[in-house]
PDB file of N, CA and C in Angstrom:
ATOM      1  N   MET A   1      64.348  91.377 -76.527  1.00  0.00           N
ATOM      2  CA  MET A   1      64.244  91.008 -75.402  1.00  0.00           C
ATOM      3  C   MET A   1      65.885  90.587 -74.905  1.00  0.00           C
ATOM      4  N   PRO A   2      66.088  90.785 -73.698  1.00  0.00           N
ATOM      5  CA  PRO A   2      67.524  90.534 -73.243  1.00  0.00           C
ATOM      6  C   PRO A   2      67.853  89.268 -73.059  1.00  0.00           C
ATOM      7  N   GLU A   3      69.126  88.789 -73.452  1.00  0.00           N
ATOM      8  CA  GLU A   3      69.481  87.451 -73.297  1.00  0.00           C
ATOM      9  C   GLU A   3      69.453  87.088 -71.702  1.00  0.00           C
ATOM     10  N   LYS A   4      69.206  85.691 -71.508  1.00  0.00           N
ATOM     11  CA  LYS A   4      69.270  85.280 -70.282  1.00  0.00           C
ATOM     12  C   LYS A   4      70.743  85.190 -69.707  1.00  0.00           C
ATOM     13  N   LEU A   5      70.939  85.447 -68.529  1.00  0.00           N
ATOM     14  CA  LEU A   5      72.359  85.532 -68.091  1.00  0.00           C
ATOM     15  C   LEU A   5      72.486  83.967 -67.299  1.00  0.00           C
ATOM     16  N   SER A   6      73.653  83.495 -67.462  1.00  0.00           N
ATOM     17  CA  SER A   6      73.976  82.040 -66.734  1.00  0.00           C
ATOM     18  C   SER A   6      74.031  82.654 -65.538  1.00  0.00           C
ATOM     19  N   VAL A   7      73.970  81.474 -64.686  1.00  0.00           N
ATOM     20  CA  VAL A   7      73.960  81.486 -63.125  1.00  0.00           C
ATOM     21  C   VAL A   7      75.386  82.248 -62.645  1.00  0.00           C
ATOM     22  N   GLU A   8      76.527  81.591 -63.573  1.00  0.00           N
ATOM     23  CA  GLU A   8      77.691  82.511 -63.210  1.00  0.00           C
ATOM     24  C   GLU A   8      77.662  84.013 -63.464  1.00  0.00           C
ATOM     25  N   GLU A   9      77.115  84.159 -64.444  1.00  0.00           N
ATOM     26  CA  GLU A   9      77.300  85.520 -64.714  1.00  0.00           C
ATOM     27  C   GLU A   9      76.569  86.456 -63.703  1.00  0.00           C
ATOM     28  N   ALA A  10      75.257  85.936 -63.432  1.00  0.00           N
ATOM     29  CA  ALA A  10      74.418  86.572 -62.577  1.00  0.00           C
ATOM     30  C   ALA A  10      75.069  86.686 -60.866  1.00  0.00           C
ATOM     31  N   MET A  11      75.886  85.735 -60.610  1.00  0.00           N
ATOM     32  CA  MET A  11      76.625  85.708 -59.660  1.00  0.00           C
ATOM     33  C   MET A  11      77.671  86.553 -59.584  1.00  0.00           C
ATOM     34  N   THR A  12      78.482  86.672 -60.742  1.00  0.00           N
ATOM     35  CA  THR A  12      79.567  87.680 -60.668  1.00  0.00           C
ATOM     36  C   THR A  12      78.914  89.161 -60.625  1.00  0.00           C
ATOM     37  N   PHE A  13      77.908  89.289 -61.575  1.00  0.00           N
ATOM     38  CA  PHE A  13      77.195  90.547 -61.363  1.00  0.00           C
ATOM     39  C   PHE A  13      76.958  91.046 -59.774  1.00  0.00           C
ATOM     40  N   ASN A  14      76.325  90.102 -59.042  1.00  0.00           N
ATOM     41  CA  ASN A  14      75.541  90.368 -57.801  1.00  0.00           C
ATOM     42  C   ASN A  14      76.892  90.732 -56.965  1.00  0.00           C
ATOM     43  N   HIS A  15      77.895  89.803 -57.147  1.00  0.00           N
ATOM     44  CA  HIS A  15      79.258  90.021 -56.255  1.00  0.00           C
ATOM     45  C   HIS A  15      79.833  91.287 -56.475  1.00  0.00           C
ATOM     46  N   TRP A  16      80.119  91.651 -57.638  1.00  0.00           N
ATOM     47  CA  TRP A  16      80.443  93.339 -57.835  1.00  0.00           C
ATOM     48  C   TRP A  16      79.635  94.086 -57.391  1.00  0.00           C
ATOM     49  N   ALA A  17      78.239  93.958 -57.504  1.00  0.00           N
ATOM     50  CA  ALA A  17      77.145  94.927 -57.174  1.00  0.00           C
ATOM     51  C   ALA A  17      77.492  95.319 -55.675  1.00  0.00           C
ATOM     52  N   VAL A  18      77.438  94.175 -54.988  1.00  0.00           N
ATOM     53  CA  VAL A  18      77.746  94.347 -53.446  1.00  0.00           C
ATOM     54  C   VAL A  18      78.731  94.881 -53.017  1.00  0.00           C
ATOM     55  N   THR A  19      80.062  94.318 -53.771  1.00  0.00           N
ATOM     56  CA  THR A  19      81.378  95.001 -53.456  1.00  0.00           C
ATOM     57  C   THR A  19      81.542  96.578 -53.673  1.00  0.00           C
ATOM     58  N   LEU A  20      80.720  97.039 -54.918  1.00  0.00           N
ATOM     59  CA  LEU A  20      80.778  98.303 -55.122  1.00  0.00           C
ATOM     60  C   LEU A  20      79.959  98.986 -54.093  1.00  0.00           C
ATOM     61  N   ARG A  21      78.803  98.386 -53.521  1.00  0.00           N
ATOM     62  CA  ARG A  21      77.967  99.066 -52.587  1.00  0.00           C
ATOM     63  C   ARG A  21      78.716  99.263 -51.379  1.00  0.00           C
ATOM     64  N   LEU A  22      79.558  98.157 -50.958  1.00  0.00           N
ATOM     65  CA  LEU A  22      80.398  98.372 -49.619  1.00  0.00           C
ATOM     66  C   LEU A  22      81.276  99.532 -50.019  1.00  0.00           C
ATOM     67  N   LEU A  23      81.987  99.502 -50.796  1.00  0.00           N
ATOM     68  CA  LEU A  23      83.031 100.684 -51.060  1.00  0.00           C
ATOM     69  C   LEU A  23      82.370 101.923 -51.044  1.00  0.00           C
ATOM     70  N   ASP A  24      81.283 102.098 -51.517  1.00  0.00           N
ATOM     71  CA  ASP A  24      80.538 103.442 -51.609  1.00  0.00           C
ATOM     72  C   ASP A  24      80.244 103.600 -50.052  1.00  0.00           C
ATOM     73  N   LEU A  25      79.971 102.632 -49.251  1.00  0.00           N
ATOM     74  CA  LEU A  25      79.787 102.874 -48.056  1.00  0.00           C
ATOM     75  C   LEU A  25      80.986 103.489 -47.151  1.00  0.00           C
ATOM     76  N   GLY A  26      82.129 103.167 -47.740  1.00  0.00           N
ATOM     77  CA  GLY A  26      83.364 103.804 -47.315  1.00  0.00           C
ATOM     78  C   GLY A  26      84.287 102.738 -46.509  1.00  0.00           C
ATOM     79  N   LEU A  27      83.669 101.324 -46.825  1.00  0.00           N
ATOM     80  CA  LEU A  27      84.503 100.282 -45.954  1.00  0.00           C
ATOM     81  C   LEU A  27      85.786  99.979 -46.964  1.00  0.00           C
ATOM     82  N   PRO A  28      86.939  99.717 -46.320  1.00  0.00           N
ATOM     83  CA  PRO A  28      88.235  99.370 -47.121  1.00  0.00           C
ATOM     84  C   PRO A  28      88.079  98.197 -47.816  1.00  0.00           C
ATOM     85  N   TRP A  29      88.804  98.224 -49.103  1.00  0.00           N
ATOM     86  CA  TRP A  29      88.639  96.909 -49.884  1.00  0.00           C
ATOM     87  C   TRP A  29      89.182  95.863 -49.162  1.00  0.00           C
ATOM     88  N   GLU A  30      90.303  96.082 -48.321  1.00  0.00           N
ATOM     89  CA  GLU A  30      90.775  94.861 -47.843  1.00  0.00           C
ATOM     90  C   GLU A  30      89.798  94.106 -46.761  1.00  0.00           C
ATOM     91  N   GLN A  31      89.072  95.003 -46.041  1.00  0.00           N
ATOM     92  CA  GLN A  31      88.090  94.552 -45.097  1.00  0.00           C
ATOM     93  C   GLN A  31      87.135  93.742 -45.824  1.00  0.00           C
ATOM     94  N   ILE A  32      86.528  94.375 -46.945  1.00  0.00           N
ATOM     95  CA  ILE A  32      85.448  93.786 -47.782  1.00  0.00           C
ATOM     96  C   ILE A  32      85.779  92.508 -48.106  1.00  0.00           C
ATOM     97  N   GLN A  33      86.915  92.154 -48.442  1.00  0.00           N
ATOM     98  CA  GLN A  33      87.659  90.548 -48.816  1.00  0.00           C
ATOM     99  C   GLN A  33      87.557  89.652 -47.850  1.00  0.00           C
ATOM    100  N   LYS A  34      87.734  90.175 -46.612  1.00  0.00           N
ATOM    101  CA  LYS A  34      87.694  89.401 -45.215  1.00  0.00           C
ATOM    102  C   LYS A  34      86.247  89.065 -45.056  1.00  0.00           C
ATOM    103  N   PHE A  35      85.168  89.966 -45.370  1.00  0.00           N
ATOM    104  CA  PHE A  35      83.815  89.559 -44.522  1.00  0.00           C
ATOM    105  C   PHE A  35      82.986  88.220 -45.154  1.00  0.00           C
ATOM    106  N   SER A  36      82.445  87.731 -44.029  1.00  0.00           N
ATOM    107  CA  SER A  36      81.503  86.597 -44.354  1.00  0.00           C
ATOM    108  C   SER A  36      80.201  86.993 -45.126  1.00  0.00           C
ATOM    109  N   LEU A  37      79.636  85.892 -45.545  1.00  0.00           N
ATOM    110  CA  LEU A  37      78.254  86.484 -46.154  1.00  0.00           C
ATOM    111  C   LEU A  37      77.481  86.899 -45.110  1.00  0.00           C
ATOM    112  N   GLY A  38      77.444  86.342 -44.129  1.00  0.00           N
ATOM    113  CA  GLY A  38      76.442  86.861 -42.978  1.00  0.00           C
ATOM    114  C   GLY A  38      76.864  88.213 -42.588  1.00  0.00           C
ATOM    115  N   GLU A  39      78.161  88.649 -42.375  1.00  0.00           N
ATOM    116  CA  GLU A  39      78.505  90.005 -42.041  1.00  0.00           C
ATOM    117  C   GLU A  39      78.003  90.752 -43.028  1.00  0.00           C
ATOM    118  N   ILE A  40      78.443  90.570 -44.373  1.00  0.00           N
ATOM    119  CA  ILE A  40      77.705  91.492 -45.580  1.00  0.00           C
ATOM    120  C   ILE A  40      76.277  91.750 -45.541  1.00  0.00           C
ATOM    121  N   SER A  41      75.467  90.486 -45.048  1.00  0.00           N
ATOM    122  CA  SER A  41      74.038  90.577 -45.063  1.00  0.00           C
ATOM    123  C   SER A  41      73.699  91.668 -43.621  1.00  0.00           C
ATOM    124  N   VAL A  42      74.358  91.730 -42.664  1.00  0.00           N
ATOM    125  CA  VAL A  42      73.971  92.541 -41.581  1.00  0.00           C
ATOM    126  C   VAL A  42      74.530  93.899 -42.130  1.00  0.00           C
ATOM    127  N   ILE A  43      75.540  93.913 -42.569  1.00  0.00           N
ATOM    128  CA  ILE A  43      75.753  95.417 -42.945  1.00  0.00           C
ATOM    129  C   ILE A  43      74.978  96.130 -43.768  1.00  0.00           C
ATOM    130  N   LEU A  44      74.502  95.423 -45.068  1.00  0.00           N
ATOM    131  CA  LEU A  44      73.530  95.674 -45.977  1.00  0.00           C
ATOM    132  C   LEU A  44      72.395  96.210 -45.458  1.00  0.00           C
ATOM    133  N   GLY A  45      71.660  95.172 -44.531  1.00  0.00           N
ATOM    134  CA  GLY A  45      70.529  95.296 -43.961  1.00  0.00           C
ATOM    135  C   GLY A  45      70.250  96.483 -42.922  1.00  0.00           C
ATOM    136  N   LEU A  46      71.633  96.665 -42.024  1.00  0.00           N
ATOM    137  CA  LEU A  46      71.377  97.849 -41.389  1.00  0.00           C
ATOM    138  C   LEU A  46      71.491  99.174 -42.149  1.00  0.00           C
ATOM    139  N   GLN A  47      72.078  99.081 -42.982  1.00  0.00           N
ATOM    140  CA  GLN A  47      72.249 100.386 -43.935  1.00  0.00           C
ATOM    141  C   GLN A  47      70.919 100.662 -44.720  1.00  0.00           C
ATOM    142  N   ALA A  48      70.359  99.635 -45.146  1.00  0.00           N
ATOM    143  CA  ALA A  48      68.791  99.593 -45.747  1.00  0.00           C
ATOM    144  C   ALA A  48      67.897 100.243 -44.637  1.00  0.00           C
ATOM    145  N   ALA A  49      67.913  99.691 -43.405  1.00  0.00           N
ATOM    146  CA  ALA A  49      67.118 100.142 -42.316  1.00  0.00           C
ATOM    147  C   ALA A  49      67.478 101.662 -42.089  1.00  0.00           C
ATOM    148  N   LEU A  50      68.835 102.197 -42.185  1.00  0.00           N
ATOM    149  CA  LEU A  50      69.013 103.434 -41.847  1.00  0.00           C
ATOM    150  C   LEU A  50      68.634 104.429 -43.076  1.00  0.00           C
ATOM    151  N   ASP A  51      68.952 103.843 -44.160  1.00  0.00           N
ATOM    152  CA  ASP A  51      68.275 104.698 -45.321  1.00  0.00           C
ATOM    153  C   ASP A  51      66.713 104.875 -45.191  1.00  0.00           C
ATOM    154  N   GLN A  52      66.082 103.888 -45.130  1.00  0.00           N
ATOM    155  CA  GLN A  52      64.548 103.901 -44.952  1.00  0.00           C
ATOM    156  C   GLN A  52      64.212 104.896 -43.858  1.00  0.00           C
ATOM    157  N   ARG A  53      64.813 104.842 -42.714  1.00  0.00           N
ATOM    158  CA  ARG A  53      64.522 105.471 -41.483  1.00  0.00           C
ATOM    159  C   ARG A  53      64.667 107.121 -42.056  1.00  0.00           C
ATOM    160  N   LYS A  54      66.156 107.349 -42.660  1.00  0.00           N
ATOM    161  CA  LYS A  54      66.153 108.740 -43.190  1.00  0.00           C
ATOM    162  C   LYS A  54      65.167 109.436 -43.991  1.00  0.00           C
ATOM    163  N   MET A  55      64.553 108.167 -45.073  1.00  0.00           N
ATOM    164  CA  MET A  55      63.567 108.656 -46.007  1.00  0.00           C
ATOM    165  C   MET A  55      62.310 109.182 -45.277  1.00  0.00           C
ATOM    166  N   GLU A  56      62.119 108.192 -44.172  1.00  0.00           N
ATOM    167  CA  GLU A  56      60.781 108.510 -43.412  1.00  0.00           C
ATOM    168  C   GLU A  56      61.056 109.916 -42.799  1.00  0.00           C
ATOM    169  N   HIS A  57      62.048 110.236 -42.103  1.00  0.00           N
ATOM    170  CA  HIS A  57      62.211 111.571 -41.398  1.00  0.00           C
ATOM    171  C   HIS A  57      62.307 112.560 -42.344  1.00  0.00           C
ATOM    172  N   GLU A  58      62.717 112.611 -43.618  1.00  0.00           N
ATOM    173  CA  GLU A  58      62.664 113.835 -44.667  1.00  0.00           C
ATOM    174  C   GLU A  58      61.216 113.717 -44.842  1.00  0.00           C
ATOM    175  N   ALA A  59      60.553 112.657 -45.131  1.00  0.00           N
ATOM    176  CA  ALA A  59      59.106 112.610 -45.585  1.00  0.00           C
ATOM    177  C   ALA A  59      58.275 113.501 -44.517  1.00  0.00           C
ATOM    178  N   VAL A  60      58.241 113.165 -43.349  1.00  0.00           N
ATOM    179  CA  VAL A  60      57.671 113.986 -42.212  1.00  0.00           C
ATOM    180  C   VAL A  60      58.082 115.344 -42.275  1.00  0.00           C
ATOM    181  N   ALA A  61      59.357 115.664 -42.514  1.00  0.00           N
ATOM    182  CA  ALA A  61      59.980 117.120 -42.431  1.00  0.00           C
ATOM    183  C   ALA A  61      59.277 117.844 -43.398  1.00  0.00           C
ATOM    184  N   GLN A  62      59.359 117.117 -44.558  1.00  0.00           N
ATOM    185  CA  GLN A  62      58.432 117.770 -45.922  1.00  0.00           C
ATOM    186  C   GLN A  62      57.123 118.043 -45.746  1.00  0.00           C
ATOM    187  N   ARG A  63      56.455 117.162 -44.972  1.00  0.00           N
ATOM    188  CA  ARG A  63      55.031 117.283 -44.859  1.00  0.00           C
ATOM    189  C   ARG A  63      54.755 118.347 -43.690  1.00  0.00           C
ATOM    190  N   GLN A  64      55.484 118.564 -42.726  1.00  0.00           N
ATOM    191  CA  GLN A  64      55.510 119.618 -41.809  1.00  0.00           C
ATOM    192  C   GLN A  64      55.833 120.937 -42.517  1.00  0.00           C
ATOM    193  N   SER A  65      56.820 121.063 -43.329  1.00  0.00           N
ATOM    194  CA  SER A  65      57.034 122.323 -44.081  1.00  0.00           C
ATOM    195  C   SER A  65      55.829 122.760 -44.788  1.00  0.00           C
ATOM    196  N   GLN A  66      55.167 121.903 -45.688  1.00  0.00           N
ATOM    197  CA  GLN A  66      54.075 122.245 -46.466  1.00  0.00           C
ATOM    198  C   GLN A  66      53.052 122.573 -45.486  1.00  0.00           C
ATOM    199  N   THR A  67      52.716 121.905 -44.474  1.00  0.00           N
ATOM    200  CA  THR A  67      51.711 122.344 -43.506  1.00  0.00           C
ATOM    201  C   THR A  67      51.826 123.673 -43.092  1.00  0.00           C
ATOM    202  N   ALA A  68      53.106 124.020 -42.795  1.00  0.00           N
ATOM    203  CA  ALA A  68      53.467 125.400 -42.211  1.00  0.00           C
ATOM    204  C   ALA A  68      53.475 126.384 -43.348  1.00  0.00           C
ATOM    205  N   GLN A  69      53.714 126.043 -44.666  1.00  0.00           N
ATOM    206  CA  GLN A  69      53.710 127.064 -45.499  1.00  0.00           C
ATOM    207  C   GLN A  69      52.087 127.376 -46.008  1.00  0.00           C
ATOM    208  N   ARG A  70      51.143 126.282 -46.139  1.00  0.00           N
ATOM    209  CA  ARG A  70      49.809 126.636 -46.070  1.00  0.00           C
ATOM    210  C   ARG A  70      49.176 127.387 -45.234  1.00  0.00           C
ATOM    211  N   ARG A  71      49.641 127.414 -43.817  1.00  0.00           N
ATOM    212  CA  ARG A  71      49.103 128.221 -42.569  1.00  0.00           C
ATOM    213  C   ARG A  71      49.316 129.730 -43.031  1.00  0.00           C
ATOM    214  N   ILE A  72      50.835 129.971 -43.450  1.00  0.00           N
ATOM    215  CA  ILE A  72      51.240 131.252 -43.577  1.00  0.00           C
ATOM    216  C   ILE A  72      50.261 131.962 -44.791  1.00  0.00           C
ATOM    217  N   ARG A  73      49.640 131.122 -45.660  1.00  0.00           N
ATOM    218  CA  ARG A  73      48.888 131.826 -46.688  1.00  0.00           C
ATOM    219  C   ARG A  73      47.726 132.055 -46.422  1.00  0.00           C
TER     220      ARG A  73
END
């Protein structure tokens, strides 16, 4: 069983996970350091919504493709 993390370790891990996610989204390091917690929440929330919307559109397209393939057979 893994050791329990201290609150400090958990917060440090979370800080860097969020920072790396923002860098992955293409935001500059200097700007990330200036964001408030509220701004970070909005950015990550909007990105999550966009990712979900993209996945839903891809699922619809995949179902339509499968339906079209069945009709051809």
